[in-house]
Amino acid sequence: MVTDTNTTDIANQAAGADEGVLDNALDTAKSFLETAQEAIGDAVDATVEAVKEHPVAAAAIAAGAAAAVGGAVYAATHLGGDKEPASKK
């Protein structure tokens, strides 16, 4: 037979287990965030060094990326198919 005391004990144990799981998840998330921040910092440093070593190539890559974005915007706005076709006579 289950008594109110047993039910309360079981509920308290479950609540304690949930807090432990949440604390573990929070610690894991913090660790992942720190690792990601370090990786992003390393990538930024490597990018800055590459640009310093090869400025012309970096400018060419930036220009190519800008042209690609510009072409995509142009295509989306002018060639999107929103206009009705010309009427046939």
N, C-alpha and C. Protein backbone atom coordinates (compact mmCIF):
# COMPACT_ATOMS: atom_id res chain seq x y z
N MET A 1 0.84 -1.18 0.00
CA MET A 1 0.00 0.00 0.00
C MET A 1 0.89 1.25 0.00
N VAL A 2 0.55 2.22 -0.86
CA VAL A 2 1.32 3.45 -0.98
C VAL A 2 0.73 4.49 -0.04
N THR A 3 1.58 5.08 0.75
CA THR A 3 1.11 6.11 1.66
C THR A 3 1.53 7.47 1.15
N ASP A 4 0.99 8.50 1.76
CA ASP A 4 1.35 9.86 1.35
C ASP A 4 2.83 10.13 1.58
N THR A 5 3.40 9.56 2.61
CA THR A 5 4.82 9.75 2.90
C THR A 5 5.66 9.13 1.79
N ASN A 6 5.30 7.94 1.36
CA ASN A 6 6.04 7.29 0.28
C ASN A 6 5.93 8.09 -1.02
N THR A 7 4.74 8.57 -1.30
CA THR A 7 4.53 9.36 -2.51
C THR A 7 5.37 10.62 -2.47
N THR A 8 5.41 11.28 -1.34
CA THR A 8 6.21 12.50 -1.19
C THR A 8 7.69 12.19 -1.36
N ASP A 9 8.16 11.09 -0.77
CA ASP A 9 9.57 10.70 -0.91
C ASP A 9 9.92 10.42 -2.37
N ILE A 10 9.05 9.71 -3.06
CA ILE A 10 9.30 9.40 -4.46
C ILE A 10 9.33 10.68 -5.30
N ALA A 11 8.41 11.60 -5.02
CA ALA A 11 8.37 12.87 -5.76
C ALA A 11 9.63 13.68 -5.49
N ASN A 12 10.08 13.70 -4.25
CA ASN A 12 11.30 14.44 -3.92
C ASN A 12 12.53 13.82 -4.59
N GLN A 13 12.59 12.49 -4.64
CA GLN A 13 13.70 11.83 -5.31
C GLN A 13 13.68 12.14 -6.81
N ALA A 14 12.50 12.14 -7.41
CA ALA A 14 12.39 12.44 -8.84
C ALA A 14 12.80 13.88 -9.11
N ALA A 15 12.39 14.80 -8.25
CA ALA A 15 12.76 16.20 -8.44
C ALA A 15 14.26 16.37 -8.31
N GLY A 16 14.88 15.67 -7.38
CA GLY A 16 16.33 15.73 -7.22
C GLY A 16 17.05 15.17 -8.43
N ALA A 17 16.51 14.11 -8.99
CA ALA A 17 17.12 13.52 -10.19
C ALA A 17 17.01 14.47 -11.36
N ASP A 18 15.88 15.15 -11.49
CA ASP A 18 15.70 16.11 -12.58
C ASP A 18 16.70 17.25 -12.47
N GLU A 19 16.94 17.73 -11.26
CA GLU A 19 17.90 18.81 -11.08
C GLU A 19 19.30 18.35 -11.46
N GLY A 20 19.64 17.12 -11.13
CA GLY A 20 20.95 16.59 -11.50
C GLY A 20 21.11 16.50 -13.00
N VAL A 21 20.06 16.06 -13.67
CA VAL A 21 20.10 15.96 -15.13
C VAL A 21 20.23 17.35 -15.74
N LEU A 22 19.48 18.31 -15.21
CA LEU A 22 19.55 19.67 -15.74
C LEU A 22 20.94 20.28 -15.51
N ASP A 23 21.49 20.05 -14.32
CA ASP A 23 22.84 20.57 -14.04
C ASP A 23 23.86 19.96 -14.99
N ASN A 24 23.74 18.67 -15.24
CA ASN A 24 24.65 17.99 -16.16
C ASN A 24 24.50 18.55 -17.57
N ALA A 25 23.26 18.77 -18.01
CA ALA A 25 23.02 19.33 -19.35
C ALA A 25 23.59 20.75 -19.43
N LEU A 26 23.42 21.52 -18.38
CA LEU A 26 23.94 22.89 -18.37
C LEU A 26 25.46 22.90 -18.44
N ASP A 27 26.11 22.02 -17.69
CA ASP A 27 27.57 21.93 -17.74
C ASP A 27 28.05 21.52 -19.12
N THR A 28 27.33 20.57 -19.73
CA THR A 28 27.70 20.13 -21.08
C THR A 28 27.55 21.27 -22.09
N ALA A 29 26.46 22.02 -21.96
CA ALA A 29 26.23 23.14 -22.88
C ALA A 29 27.30 24.22 -22.71
N LYS A 30 27.68 24.50 -21.47
CA LYS A 30 28.73 25.50 -21.23
C LYS A 30 30.05 25.05 -21.84
N SER A 31 30.36 23.77 -21.68
CA SER A 31 31.60 23.24 -22.25
C SER A 31 31.58 23.34 -23.77
N PHE A 32 30.44 22.99 -24.37
CA PHE A 32 30.31 23.09 -25.82
C PHE A 32 30.46 24.53 -26.29
N LEU A 33 29.86 25.48 -25.56
CA LEU A 33 29.95 26.89 -25.92
C LEU A 33 31.40 27.37 -25.85
N GLU A 34 32.11 26.98 -24.82
CA GLU A 34 33.52 27.38 -24.70
C GLU A 34 34.35 26.82 -25.85
N THR A 35 34.10 25.57 -26.21
CA THR A 35 34.82 24.95 -27.32
C THR A 35 34.51 25.67 -28.62
N ALA A 36 33.24 26.01 -28.83
CA ALA A 36 32.84 26.71 -30.05
C ALA A 36 33.48 28.09 -30.11
N GLN A 37 33.52 28.79 -28.97
CA GLN A 37 34.14 30.12 -28.96
C GLN A 37 35.62 30.05 -29.30
N GLU A 38 36.30 29.05 -28.78
CA GLU A 38 37.71 28.88 -29.10
C GLU A 38 37.91 28.58 -30.58
N ALA A 39 37.06 27.73 -31.14
CA ALA A 39 37.17 27.39 -32.56
C ALA A 39 36.91 28.61 -33.44
N ILE A 40 35.92 29.40 -33.07
CA ILE A 40 35.62 30.61 -33.85
C ILE A 40 36.77 31.60 -33.76
N GLY A 41 37.33 31.75 -32.58
CA GLY A 41 38.49 32.64 -32.40
C GLY A 41 39.67 32.20 -33.24
N ASP A 42 39.92 30.89 -33.24
CA ASP A 42 41.02 30.36 -34.05
C ASP A 42 40.77 30.59 -35.54
N ALA A 43 39.52 30.41 -35.98
CA ALA A 43 39.18 30.62 -37.39
C ALA A 43 39.36 32.09 -37.78
N VAL A 44 38.95 32.99 -36.91
CA VAL A 44 39.12 34.42 -37.19
C VAL A 44 40.60 34.77 -37.28
N ASP A 45 41.38 34.26 -36.35
CA ASP A 45 42.83 34.52 -36.38
C ASP A 45 43.47 33.99 -37.66
N ALA A 46 43.08 32.79 -38.07
CA ALA A 46 43.63 32.21 -39.30
C ALA A 46 43.21 33.02 -40.52
N THR A 47 41.99 33.52 -40.52
CA THR A 47 41.51 34.34 -41.64
C THR A 47 42.28 35.65 -41.73
N VAL A 48 42.49 36.28 -40.58
CA VAL A 48 43.24 37.55 -40.57
C VAL A 48 44.66 37.32 -41.07
N GLU A 49 45.28 36.25 -40.65
CA GLU A 49 46.64 35.95 -41.10
C GLU A 49 46.67 35.70 -42.61
N ALA A 50 45.68 34.96 -43.12
CA ALA A 50 45.64 34.67 -44.56
C ALA A 50 45.45 35.94 -45.36
N VAL A 51 44.62 36.85 -44.88
CA VAL A 51 44.40 38.12 -45.58
C VAL A 51 45.67 38.96 -45.56
N LYS A 52 46.40 38.94 -44.44
CA LYS A 52 47.64 39.70 -44.37
C LYS A 52 48.69 39.13 -45.32
N GLU A 53 48.72 37.81 -45.46
CA GLU A 53 49.71 37.17 -46.32
C GLU A 53 49.36 37.29 -47.80
N HIS A 54 48.07 37.30 -48.14
CA HIS A 54 47.63 37.32 -49.54
C HIS A 54 46.49 38.34 -49.71
N PRO A 55 46.80 39.63 -49.63
CA PRO A 55 45.72 40.63 -49.68
C PRO A 55 45.01 40.69 -51.04
N VAL A 56 45.73 40.48 -52.14
CA VAL A 56 45.10 40.54 -53.46
C VAL A 56 44.12 39.39 -53.63
N ALA A 57 44.53 38.21 -53.23
CA ALA A 57 43.63 37.06 -53.32
C ALA A 57 42.41 37.25 -52.44
N ALA A 58 42.60 37.80 -51.25
CA ALA A 58 41.47 38.05 -50.35
C ALA A 58 40.51 39.05 -50.96
N ALA A 59 41.03 40.10 -51.60
CA ALA A 59 40.17 41.08 -52.25
C ALA A 59 39.41 40.46 -53.41
N ALA A 60 40.06 39.58 -54.16
CA ALA A 60 39.39 38.91 -55.27
C ALA A 60 38.28 37.99 -54.77
N ILE A 61 38.54 37.29 -53.69
CA ILE A 61 37.51 36.42 -53.12
C ILE A 61 36.33 37.26 -52.63
N ALA A 62 36.61 38.37 -51.97
CA ALA A 62 35.54 39.25 -51.48
C ALA A 62 34.73 39.81 -52.64
N ALA A 63 35.40 40.20 -53.71
CA ALA A 63 34.68 40.72 -54.88
C ALA A 63 33.83 39.64 -55.52
N GLY A 64 34.34 38.44 -55.61
CA GLY A 64 33.56 37.34 -56.16
C GLY A 64 32.34 37.02 -55.31
N ALA A 65 32.52 37.06 -54.01
CA ALA A 65 31.38 36.80 -53.11
C ALA A 65 30.33 37.90 -53.25
N ALA A 66 30.78 39.14 -53.35
CA ALA A 66 29.84 40.25 -53.52
C ALA A 66 29.09 40.13 -54.85
N ALA A 67 29.78 39.74 -55.91
CA ALA A 67 29.13 39.55 -57.21
C ALA A 67 28.11 38.42 -57.15
N ALA A 68 28.44 37.36 -56.45
CA ALA A 68 27.51 36.24 -56.32
C ALA A 68 26.25 36.65 -55.56
N VAL A 69 26.44 37.39 -54.48
CA VAL A 69 25.28 37.86 -53.70
C VAL A 69 24.46 38.84 -54.54
N GLY A 70 25.14 39.74 -55.23
CA GLY A 70 24.43 40.69 -56.09
C GLY A 70 23.65 39.99 -57.19
N GLY A 71 24.26 38.99 -57.80
CA GLY A 71 23.56 38.22 -58.84
C GLY A 71 22.35 37.49 -58.29
N ALA A 72 22.47 36.95 -57.10
CA ALA A 72 21.34 36.25 -56.49
C ALA A 72 20.21 37.22 -56.16
N VAL A 73 20.55 38.40 -55.68
CA VAL A 73 19.52 39.40 -55.37
C VAL A 73 18.85 39.86 -56.66
N TYR A 74 19.62 40.09 -57.69
CA TYR A 74 19.05 40.50 -58.97
C TYR A 74 18.10 39.42 -59.50
N ALA A 75 18.54 38.19 -59.46
CA ALA A 75 17.70 37.10 -59.95
C ALA A 75 16.43 36.98 -59.14
N ALA A 76 16.52 37.15 -57.84
CA ALA A 76 15.35 37.02 -56.98
C ALA A 76 14.35 38.13 -57.22
N THR A 77 14.84 39.33 -57.52
CA THR A 77 13.93 40.45 -57.68
C THR A 77 13.41 40.62 -59.11
N HIS A 78 14.22 40.29 -60.11
CA HIS A 78 13.82 40.52 -61.50
C HIS A 78 13.39 39.28 -62.25
N LEU A 79 13.87 38.16 -61.85
CA LEU A 79 13.58 36.94 -62.59
C LEU A 79 12.75 35.96 -61.76
N GLY A 80 12.09 36.45 -60.75
CA GLY A 80 11.37 35.59 -59.82
C GLY A 80 10.10 34.99 -60.37
N GLY A 81 9.62 35.45 -61.49
CA GLY A 81 8.41 34.89 -62.06
C GLY A 81 7.14 35.50 -61.49
N ASP A 82 7.26 36.60 -60.76
CA ASP A 82 6.08 37.24 -60.19
C ASP A 82 5.26 37.98 -61.24
N LYS A 83 5.89 38.34 -62.34
CA LYS A 83 5.20 39.12 -63.39
C LYS A 83 4.38 38.18 -64.26
N GLU A 84 3.29 38.70 -64.73
CA GLU A 84 2.44 37.89 -65.63
C GLU A 84 3.06 37.91 -67.02
N PRO A 85 2.94 36.81 -67.75
CA PRO A 85 3.49 36.78 -69.11
C PRO A 85 2.75 37.74 -70.03
N ALA A 86 3.46 38.18 -71.07
CA ALA A 86 2.83 39.09 -72.04
C ALA A 86 1.65 38.39 -72.71
N SER A 87 0.62 39.17 -72.96
CA SER A 87 -0.58 38.56 -73.59
C SER A 87 -0.28 38.19 -75.02
N LYS A 88 -0.88 37.09 -75.48
CA LYS A 88 -0.68 36.61 -76.83
C LYS A 88 -1.73 37.25 -77.73
N LYS A 89 -1.33 37.62 -78.96
CA LYS A 89 -2.29 38.23 -79.89
C LYS A 89 -2.64 37.27 -80.98
